[in-house]
Amino acid sequence: MTRRVRLFIASSLDGYIAGPKGGIDWLFHDQDYGYTEFAASVDTVLMGRRSYDASLAFEPWPYPGMAAWVFTRHPEAFPKASDDARVTFTARPPAEVVERIRKRKGKDLWLLGGGELVRAFLDAGLVDEIVLAIHPVVLGRGIPLFPEGTRRTSLRLAGSRAYDSGLVMLTYEVKKAGKVRRPSR
């Protein structure tokens, strides 16, 4: 079975994954919201450089036991950043990295973000599933989940769950070109 690339991410109701300065203080932390189950299904996390930088503020490291890949357009930052043995830094295209990872046995891959990396993965047709936690808050501005210019992508709703907090978790299967799935009856 092919290791799937699964985007598991939170956004505000108006579609932002972070505030204007990258702030995520609006995210709910009052319960698990399916995170533990999801984390058990993946063994690799794929993130952009700013997401990596944000993860350094968490103690302990939020991705224990997972292989972590950090995509960056600035390879000149590698000498300083490569001191972190928990991650592999790369400037390679996402398709090359995913192909390399999929050659090894393992669990699914977690596309963490940010928005520009999500766009690159969608544009390359690499995303298999989107698990989106919509928080009932309007930020008004910030870092969009899907930046302008993201390729049109068709989805099929695979599941939804509403929580008492108002958070809604939506799971979408990404429709791949040439694959037509008929809904089950």
C-alpha atoms as a PDB file:
ATOM      1  CA  MET A   1       0.000   0.000   0.000  1.00  0.00           C
ATOM      2  CA  THR A   2       1.292   3.445  -0.915  1.00  0.00           C
ATOM      3  CA  ARG A   3       2.129   5.733   1.941  1.00  0.00           C
ATOM      4  CA  ARG A   4      -0.353   8.599   1.735  1.00  0.00           C
ATOM      5  CA  VAL A   5       0.445  12.271   2.125  1.00  0.00           C
ATOM      6  CA  ARG A   6      -2.097  13.637   4.595  1.00  0.00           C
ATOM      7  CA  LEU A   7      -2.487  17.315   5.326  1.00  0.00           C
ATOM      8  CA  PHE A   8      -3.576  17.578   8.973  1.00  0.00           C
ATOM      9  CA  ILE A   9      -3.978  21.234   9.798  1.00  0.00           C
ATOM     10  CA  ALA A  10      -6.093  23.802  11.618  1.00  0.00           C
ATOM     11  CA  SER A  11      -7.548  26.993  10.218  1.00  0.00           C
ATOM     12  CA  SER A  12      -9.705  29.842  11.364  1.00  0.00           C
ATOM     13  CA  LEU A  13     -13.222  30.058   9.960  1.00  0.00           C
ATOM     14  CA  ASP A  14     -11.952  32.606   7.438  1.00  0.00           C
ATOM     15  CA  GLY A  15      -9.193  30.278   6.197  1.00  0.00           C
ATOM     16  CA  TYR A  16      -6.027  31.368   7.989  1.00  0.00           C
ATOM     17  CA  ILE A  17      -3.529  28.939   9.521  1.00  0.00           C
ATOM     18  CA  ALA A  18      -1.780  31.657  11.517  1.00  0.00           C
ATOM     19  CA  GLY A  19      -2.189  35.305  12.390  1.00  0.00           C
ATOM     20  CA  PRO A  20      -0.389  38.094  10.520  1.00  0.00           C
ATOM     21  CA  LYS A  21       2.863  37.547  12.442  1.00  0.00           C
ATOM     22  CA  GLY A  22       2.573  33.768  12.512  1.00  0.00           C
ATOM     23  CA  GLY A  23       0.685  33.649  15.815  1.00  0.00           C
ATOM     24  CA  ILE A  24      -1.270  30.523  16.687  1.00  0.00           C
ATOM     25  CA  ASP A  25      -2.554  31.599  20.116  1.00  0.00           C
ATOM     26  CA  TRP A  26      -6.134  31.234  18.819  1.00  0.00           C
ATOM     27  CA  LEU A  27      -5.866  27.431  18.446  1.00  0.00           C
ATOM     28  CA  PHE A  28      -7.963  25.345  20.836  1.00  0.00           C
ATOM     29  CA  HIS A  29      -6.050  23.092  23.231  1.00  0.00           C
ATOM     30  CA  ASP A  30      -8.927  22.027  25.485  1.00  0.00           C
ATOM     31  CA  GLN A  31      -9.094  18.480  24.102  1.00  0.00           C
ATOM     32  CA  ASP A  32      -7.362  16.090  21.700  1.00  0.00           C
ATOM     33  CA  TYR A  33      -9.535  16.644  18.581  1.00  0.00           C
ATOM     34  CA  GLY A  34      -8.273  13.408  17.011  1.00  0.00           C
ATOM     35  CA  TYR A  35      -4.601  14.370  17.138  1.00  0.00           C
ATOM     36  CA  THR A  36      -3.395  11.283  19.053  1.00  0.00           C
ATOM     37  CA  GLU A  37      -5.086   8.883  16.629  1.00  0.00           C
ATOM     38  CA  PHE A  38      -3.752  10.806  13.642  1.00  0.00           C
ATOM     39  CA  ALA A  39      -0.194  10.975  15.041  1.00  0.00           C
ATOM     40  CA  ALA A  40      -0.214   7.185  15.508  1.00  0.00           C
ATOM     41  CA  SER A  41      -0.946   6.759  11.780  1.00  0.00           C
ATOM     42  CA  VAL A  42       2.091   8.713  10.527  1.00  0.00           C
ATOM     43  CA  ASP A  43       5.839   8.349  10.944  1.00  0.00           C
ATOM     44  CA  THR A  44       7.081  11.263   8.853  1.00  0.00           C
ATOM     45  CA  VAL A  45       6.316  14.965   9.133  1.00  0.00           C
ATOM     46  CA  LEU A  46       6.853  17.356   6.214  1.00  0.00           C
ATOM     47  CA  MET A  47       6.989  21.063   7.003  1.00  0.00           C
ATOM     48  CA  GLY A  48       8.145  24.418   5.737  1.00  0.00           C
ATOM     49  CA  ARG A  49      10.922  26.398   7.334  1.00  0.00           C
ATOM     50  CA  ARG A  50       8.616  28.791   9.219  1.00  0.00           C
ATOM     51  CA  SER A  51       6.623  25.858  10.629  1.00  0.00           C
ATOM     52  CA  TYR A  52       9.889  24.321  11.766  1.00  0.00           C
ATOM     53  CA  ASP A  53      10.955  27.588  13.389  1.00  0.00           C
ATOM     54  CA  ALA A  54       7.585  27.763  15.192  1.00  0.00           C
ATOM     55  CA  SER A  55       7.949  24.145  16.402  1.00  0.00           C
ATOM     56  CA  LEU A  56      11.195  25.043  18.156  1.00  0.00           C
ATOM     57  CA  ALA A  57       9.151  27.011  20.701  1.00  0.00           C
ATOM     58  CA  PHE A  58       7.497  23.792  21.919  1.00  0.00           C
ATOM     59  CA  GLU A  59       9.147  21.748  24.597  1.00  0.00           C
ATOM     60  CA  PRO A  60       9.430  18.847  24.296  1.00  0.00           C
ATOM     61  CA  TRP A  61       9.860  18.462  20.513  1.00  0.00           C
ATOM     62  CA  PRO A  62       6.303  17.941  19.189  1.00  0.00           C
ATOM     63  CA  TYR A  63       7.165  15.150  16.705  1.00  0.00           C
ATOM     64  CA  PRO A  64       8.969  12.485  18.749  1.00  0.00           C
ATOM     65  CA  GLY A  65       9.759   9.295  16.892  1.00  0.00           C
ATOM     66  CA  MET A  66       8.914  10.814  13.508  1.00  0.00           C
ATOM     67  CA  ALA A  67      11.270  11.504  10.657  1.00  0.00           C
ATOM     68  CA  ALA A  68      11.037  15.250  10.024  1.00  0.00           C
ATOM     69  CA  TRP A  69      11.740  16.944   6.698  1.00  0.00           C
ATOM     70  CA  VAL A  70      12.010  20.720   6.479  1.00  0.00           C
ATOM     71  CA  PHE A  71      11.573  22.305   3.054  1.00  0.00           C
ATOM     72  CA  THR A  72      13.287  25.607   2.462  1.00  0.00           C
ATOM     73  CA  ARG A  73      13.995  27.860  -0.488  1.00  0.00           C
ATOM     74  CA  HIS A  74      17.058  29.153   1.344  1.00  0.00           C
ATOM     75  CA  PRO A  75      19.663  26.367   1.421  1.00  0.00           C
ATOM     76  CA  GLU A  76      22.268  28.852   2.620  1.00  0.00           C
ATOM     77  CA  ALA A  77      20.577  28.484   6.013  1.00  0.00           C
ATOM     78  CA  PHE A  78      21.541  24.776   6.178  1.00  0.00           C
ATOM     79  CA  PRO A  79      24.907  25.074   7.952  1.00  0.00           C
ATOM     80  CA  LYS A  80      23.313  26.733  10.974  1.00  0.00           C
ATOM     81  CA  ALA A  81      20.072  24.746  10.812  1.00  0.00           C
ATOM     82  CA  SER A  82      21.716  21.371  10.187  1.00  0.00           C
ATOM     83  CA  ASP A  83      22.777  21.273  13.832  1.00  0.00           C
ATOM     84  CA  ASP A  84      19.323  19.856  14.574  1.00  0.00           C
ATOM     85  CA  ALA A  85      19.709  16.080  14.213  1.00  0.00           C
ATOM     86  CA  ARG A  86      15.919  15.606  14.485  1.00  0.00           C
ATOM     87  CA  VAL A  87      15.320  16.933  10.966  1.00  0.00           C
ATOM     88  CA  THR A  88      16.496  16.695   7.379  1.00  0.00           C
ATOM     89  CA  PHE A  89      16.615  20.032   5.569  1.00  0.00           C
ATOM     90  CA  THR A  90      15.978  20.045   1.839  1.00  0.00           C
ATOM     91  CA  ALA A  91      15.634  22.446  -1.070  1.00  0.00           C
ATOM     92  CA  ARG A  92      14.552  19.600  -3.379  1.00  0.00           C
ATOM     93  CA  PRO A  93      11.121  19.640  -5.013  1.00  0.00           C
ATOM     94  CA  PRO A  94       8.416  17.957  -2.901  1.00  0.00           C
ATOM     95  CA  ALA A  95       7.822  15.243  -5.526  1.00  0.00           C
ATOM     96  CA  GLU A  96      11.450  14.068  -5.291  1.00  0.00           C
ATOM     97  CA  VAL A  97      11.371  13.945  -1.513  1.00  0.00           C
ATOM     98  CA  VAL A  98       8.022  12.138  -1.333  1.00  0.00           C
ATOM     99  CA  GLU A  99       9.149   9.582  -3.936  1.00  0.00           C
ATOM    100  CA  ARG A 100      12.291   8.916  -1.880  1.00  0.00           C
ATOM    101  CA  ILE A 101      10.324   8.487   1.352  1.00  0.00           C
ATOM    102  CA  ARG A 102       7.682   6.260  -0.255  1.00  0.00           C
ATOM    103  CA  LYS A 103      10.365   3.804  -1.401  1.00  0.00           C
ATOM    104  CA  ARG A 104      10.787   2.793   2.233  1.00  0.00           C
ATOM    105  CA  LYS A 105       8.174   0.918   4.209  1.00  0.00           C
ATOM    106  CA  GLY A 106       6.353   2.858   6.840  1.00  0.00           C
ATOM    107  CA  LYS A 107       3.257   4.747   7.827  1.00  0.00           C
ATOM    108  CA  ASP A 108       1.624   7.722   6.148  1.00  0.00           C
ATOM    109  CA  LEU A 109       3.284  11.128   5.774  1.00  0.00           C
ATOM    110  CA  TRP A 110       2.000  14.221   7.582  1.00  0.00           C
ATOM    111  CA  LEU A 111       2.058  17.421   5.587  1.00  0.00           C
ATOM    112  CA  LEU A 112       2.099  19.992   8.367  1.00  0.00           C
ATOM    113  CA  GLY A 113       2.358  23.305   6.510  1.00  0.00           C
ATOM    114  CA  GLY A 114       2.642  26.209   5.951  1.00  0.00           C
ATOM    115  CA  GLY A 115       0.548  27.624   3.178  1.00  0.00           C
ATOM    116  CA  GLU A 116       3.260  27.892   0.520  1.00  0.00           C
ATOM    117  CA  LEU A 117       4.324  24.285   1.101  1.00  0.00           C
ATOM    118  CA  VAL A 118       0.688  23.142   0.998  1.00  0.00           C
ATOM    119  CA  ARG A 119       0.334  24.921  -2.358  1.00  0.00           C
ATOM    120  CA  ALA A 120       3.498  23.248  -3.707  1.00  0.00           C
ATOM    121  CA  PHE A 121       2.249  19.794  -2.645  1.00  0.00           C
ATOM    122  CA  LEU A 122      -1.223  20.376  -4.110  1.00  0.00           C
ATOM    123  CA  ASP A 123       0.240  21.779  -7.319  1.00  0.00           C
ATOM    124  CA  ALA A 124       2.375  18.643  -7.651  1.00  0.00           C
ATOM    125  CA  GLY A 125      -0.642  16.365  -7.021  1.00  0.00           C
ATOM    126  CA  LEU A 126       0.982  14.855  -3.920  1.00  0.00           C
ATOM    127  CA  VAL A 127      -1.770  15.342  -1.317  1.00  0.00           C
ATOM    128  CA  ASP A 128      -4.051  12.330  -0.803  1.00  0.00           C
ATOM    129  CA  GLU A 129      -6.141  13.524   2.137  1.00  0.00           C
ATOM    130  CA  ILE A 130      -6.925  16.777   3.916  1.00  0.00           C
ATOM    131  CA  VAL A 131      -7.936  16.698   7.574  1.00  0.00           C
ATOM    132  CA  LEU A 132      -8.966  20.223   8.477  1.00  0.00           C
ATOM    133  CA  ALA A 133      -9.861  21.440  11.970  1.00  0.00           C
ATOM    134  CA  ILE A 134     -11.893  24.612  11.526  1.00  0.00           C
ATOM    135  CA  HIS A 135     -11.773  26.734  14.660  1.00  0.00           C
ATOM    136  CA  PRO A 136     -14.758  29.017  15.271  1.00  0.00           C
ATOM    137  CA  VAL A 137     -12.773  32.231  15.177  1.00  0.00           C
ATOM    138  CA  VAL A 138     -12.413  34.908  12.503  1.00  0.00           C
ATOM    139  CA  LEU A 139      -8.884  36.331  12.338  1.00  0.00           C
ATOM    140  CA  GLY A 140      -9.501  38.864   9.579  1.00  0.00           C
ATOM    141  CA  ARG A 141      -5.982  38.515   8.202  1.00  0.00           C
ATOM    142  CA  GLY A 142      -2.980  36.273   8.465  1.00  0.00           C
ATOM    143  CA  ILE A 143      -1.312  33.408   6.640  1.00  0.00           C
ATOM    144  CA  PRO A 144      -3.850  31.698   4.358  1.00  0.00           C
ATOM    145  CA  LEU A 145      -4.224  27.933   4.256  1.00  0.00           C
ATOM    146  CA  PHE A 146      -4.435  28.057   0.466  1.00  0.00           C
ATOM    147  CA  PRO A 147      -2.405  30.996  -0.894  1.00  0.00           C
ATOM    148  CA  GLU A 148      -3.530  32.801  -4.000  1.00  0.00           C
ATOM    149  CA  GLY A 149      -2.614  30.822  -7.093  1.00  0.00           C
ATOM    150  CA  THR A 150      -3.116  27.387  -5.539  1.00  0.00           C
ATOM    151  CA  ARG A 151      -4.198  24.966  -8.235  1.00  0.00           C
ATOM    152  CA  ARG A 152      -7.854  24.008  -8.399  1.00  0.00           C
ATOM    153  CA  THR A 153      -8.286  20.743  -6.501  1.00  0.00           C
ATOM    154  CA  SER A 154     -11.433  18.629  -6.278  1.00  0.00           C
ATOM    155  CA  LEU A 155     -12.236  16.929  -3.000  1.00  0.00           C
ATOM    156  CA  ARG A 156     -14.664  14.301  -1.708  1.00  0.00           C
ATOM    157  CA  LEU A 157     -15.968  14.616   1.842  1.00  0.00           C
ATOM    158  CA  ALA A 158     -14.928  11.454   3.661  1.00  0.00           C
ATOM    159  CA  GLY A 159     -16.021  12.437   7.154  1.00  0.00           C
ATOM    160  CA  SER A 160     -16.949  15.206   9.540  1.00  0.00           C
ATOM    161  CA  ARG A 161     -17.228  15.678  13.265  1.00  0.00           C
ATOM    162  CA  ALA A 162     -18.491  18.631  15.263  1.00  0.00           C
ATOM    163  CA  TYR A 163     -17.270  19.224  18.817  1.00  0.00           C
ATOM    164  CA  ASP A 164     -19.048  20.992  21.687  1.00  0.00           C
ATOM    165  CA  SER A 165     -16.397  23.711  21.518  1.00  0.00           C
ATOM    166  CA  GLY A 166     -17.643  24.661  18.050  1.00  0.00           C
ATOM    167  CA  LEU A 167     -14.596  23.201  16.292  1.00  0.00           C
ATOM    168  CA  VAL A 168     -15.468  21.171  13.207  1.00  0.00           C
ATOM    169  CA  MET A 169     -13.128  18.484  11.882  1.00  0.00           C
ATOM    170  CA  LEU A 170     -13.518  17.786   8.162  1.00  0.00           C
ATOM    171  CA  THR A 171     -11.801  14.959   6.294  1.00  0.00           C
ATOM    172  CA  TYR A 172     -11.531  15.180   2.520  1.00  0.00           C
ATOM    173  CA  GLU A 173     -10.118  12.736   0.030  1.00  0.00           C
ATOM    174  CA  VAL A 174      -8.306  14.491  -2.800  1.00  0.00           C
ATOM    175  CA  LYS A 175      -9.665  13.425  -6.168  1.00  0.00           C
ATOM    176  CA  LYS A 176      -6.778  12.480  -8.425  1.00  0.00           C
ATOM    177  CA  ALA A 177      -6.877  13.052 -12.170  1.00  0.00           C
ATOM    178  CA  GLY A 178      -8.147   9.948 -13.923  1.00  0.00           C
ATOM    179  CA  LYS A 179      -9.598   8.468 -10.725  1.00  0.00           C
ATOM    180  CA  VAL A 180     -13.324   8.697 -10.353  1.00  0.00           C
ATOM    181  CA  ARG A 181     -14.697   7.365  -7.097  1.00  0.00           C
ATOM    182  CA  ARG A 182     -18.343   6.719  -6.788  1.00  0.00           C
ATOM    183  CA  PRO A 183     -19.907   7.448  -3.409  1.00  0.00           C
ATOM    184  CA  SER A 184     -20.854   4.344  -1.446  1.00  0.00           C
ATOM    185  CA  ARG A 185     -24.553   3.728  -1.071  1.00  0.00           C
END
